[in-house]
C-alpha cells in the first residue's frame, strides 16, 4: 500500500490542475477557484499535520477524505478523466 501522504499529494496535485483548467476555460470564476483551493488546502493541511509521524489513517479521516471525493466528483466542471484518476489514485486502496 502506498504511503498515505503520497496519496494526499496525488489528490492535491490532480485537483489543483483541475481547478486551474476550469478557471482557464471559464468554467468557474476566480472566486470559486479560490474557494475550491482553500477547501482543498484545509483538508490537505489537516492530513499532513495529523499524520506527519503516523503512517496509517483513522476511520474518521477516511470519512473526511471520502466526503471530499464525493463532493468533487459531483461537480459539473470536473472532467471524467480527472474523476477516473482520483478513483484510481485514491479510492482503489481505501
Protein backbone atom coordinates (compact mmCIF):
# COMPACT_ATOMS: atom_id res chain seq x y z
CA UNK A 1 0.00 0.00 0.00
CA UNK A 2 1.34 3.39 -0.92
CA UNK A 3 2.20 5.89 1.75
CA UNK A 4 -0.89 7.88 2.77
CA UNK A 5 0.88 11.23 2.47
CA UNK A 6 1.88 10.34 -1.09
CA UNK A 7 -1.77 9.72 -1.85
CA UNK A 8 -2.75 13.08 -0.35
CA UNK A 9 -0.13 14.78 -2.53
CA UNK A 10 -1.56 12.99 -5.56
CA UNK A 11 -5.12 14.15 -4.94
CA UNK A 12 -3.87 17.64 -4.18
CA UNK A 13 -1.95 17.82 -7.45
CA UNK A 14 -4.81 16.40 -9.52
CA UNK A 15 -7.32 18.83 -8.07
CA UNK A 16 -5.11 21.91 -8.33
CA UNK A 17 -4.63 21.14 -12.02
CA UNK A 18 -8.36 20.59 -12.49
CA UNK A 19 -9.28 23.85 -10.76
CA UNK A 20 -6.65 25.73 -12.80
CA UNK A 21 -8.04 24.23 -16.02
CA UNK A 22 -11.63 25.06 -15.10
CA UNK A 23 -10.65 28.66 -14.41
CA UNK A 24 -8.64 28.94 -17.64
CA UNK A 25 -11.58 27.83 -19.80
CA UNK A 26 -14.09 29.92 -17.83
CA UNK A 27 -15.98 27.05 -16.24
CA UNK A 28 -15.57 28.63 -12.82
CA UNK A 29 -14.93 32.14 -11.55
CA UNK A 30 -11.78 33.31 -9.81
CA UNK A 31 -13.73 33.42 -6.55
CA UNK A 32 -14.90 29.81 -6.99
CA UNK A 33 -11.35 28.77 -7.89
CA UNK A 34 -10.02 30.39 -4.73
CA UNK A 35 -12.73 28.78 -2.60
CA UNK A 36 -12.05 25.31 -4.03
CA UNK A 37 -8.33 25.74 -3.41
CA UNK A 38 -8.96 26.93 0.12
CA UNK A 39 -11.11 23.88 0.87
CA UNK A 40 -8.51 21.56 -0.65
CA UNK A 41 -5.74 23.24 1.32
CA UNK A 42 -7.71 22.93 4.54
CA UNK A 43 -8.10 19.17 4.04
CA UNK A 44 -4.54 18.51 2.93
CA UNK A 45 -3.00 20.68 5.64
CA UNK A 46 -5.02 18.83 8.26
CA UNK A 47 -3.88 15.46 6.90
CA UNK A 48 -0.22 16.50 6.57
CA UNK A 49 -0.13 17.82 10.12
CA UNK A 50 -2.03 14.99 11.75
CA UNK A 51 -0.09 12.24 10.01
CA UNK A 52 3.38 13.74 9.83
CA UNK A 53 4.67 10.96 12.11
CA UNK A 54 1.94 8.35 11.69
CA UNK A 55 1.68 6.21 8.53
CA UNK A 56 -1.90 4.97 9.00
CA UNK A 57 -5.20 6.82 8.77
CA UNK A 58 -8.06 6.66 11.24
CA UNK A 59 -11.62 5.88 10.09
CA UNK A 60 -12.92 9.41 10.78
CA UNK A 61 -10.28 10.83 8.49
CA UNK A 62 -11.11 8.35 5.74
CA UNK A 63 -14.66 9.64 6.03
CA UNK A 64 -13.47 13.24 5.58
CA UNK A 65 -11.44 12.26 2.55
CA UNK A 66 -14.26 10.23 1.05
CA UNK A 67 -16.74 13.09 1.61
CA UNK A 68 -14.38 15.44 -0.19
CA UNK A 69 -14.04 12.97 -3.06
CA UNK A 70 -17.82 12.59 -3.34
CA UNK A 71 -18.23 16.37 -3.43
CA UNK A 72 -15.55 16.78 -6.12
CA UNK A 73 -16.87 14.11 -8.48
CA UNK A 74 -20.32 15.68 -8.25
CA UNK A 75 -19.06 19.00 -9.65
CA UNK A 76 -20.12 19.55 -13.25
CA UNK A 77 -16.84 21.03 -14.41
CA UNK A 78 -14.65 18.15 -13.23
CA UNK A 79 -13.62 16.14 -16.28
CA UNK A 80 -14.28 12.40 -16.45
CA UNK A 81 -10.60 11.57 -16.76
CA UNK A 82 -9.96 13.50 -13.55
CA UNK A 83 -12.67 11.55 -11.79
CA UNK A 84 -11.13 8.30 -13.02
CA UNK A 85 -7.65 9.39 -11.92
CA UNK A 86 -8.97 10.24 -8.48
CA UNK A 87 -10.69 6.90 -8.20
CA UNK A 88 -7.59 5.06 -9.32
CA UNK A 89 -5.13 7.08 -7.24
CA UNK A 90 -7.17 7.43 -4.15
CA UNK A 91 -10.08 5.10 -3.65
CA UNK A 92 -8.55 1.93 -5.01
CA UNK A 93 -6.61 1.50 -1.79
CA UNK A 94 -9.18 2.68 0.73
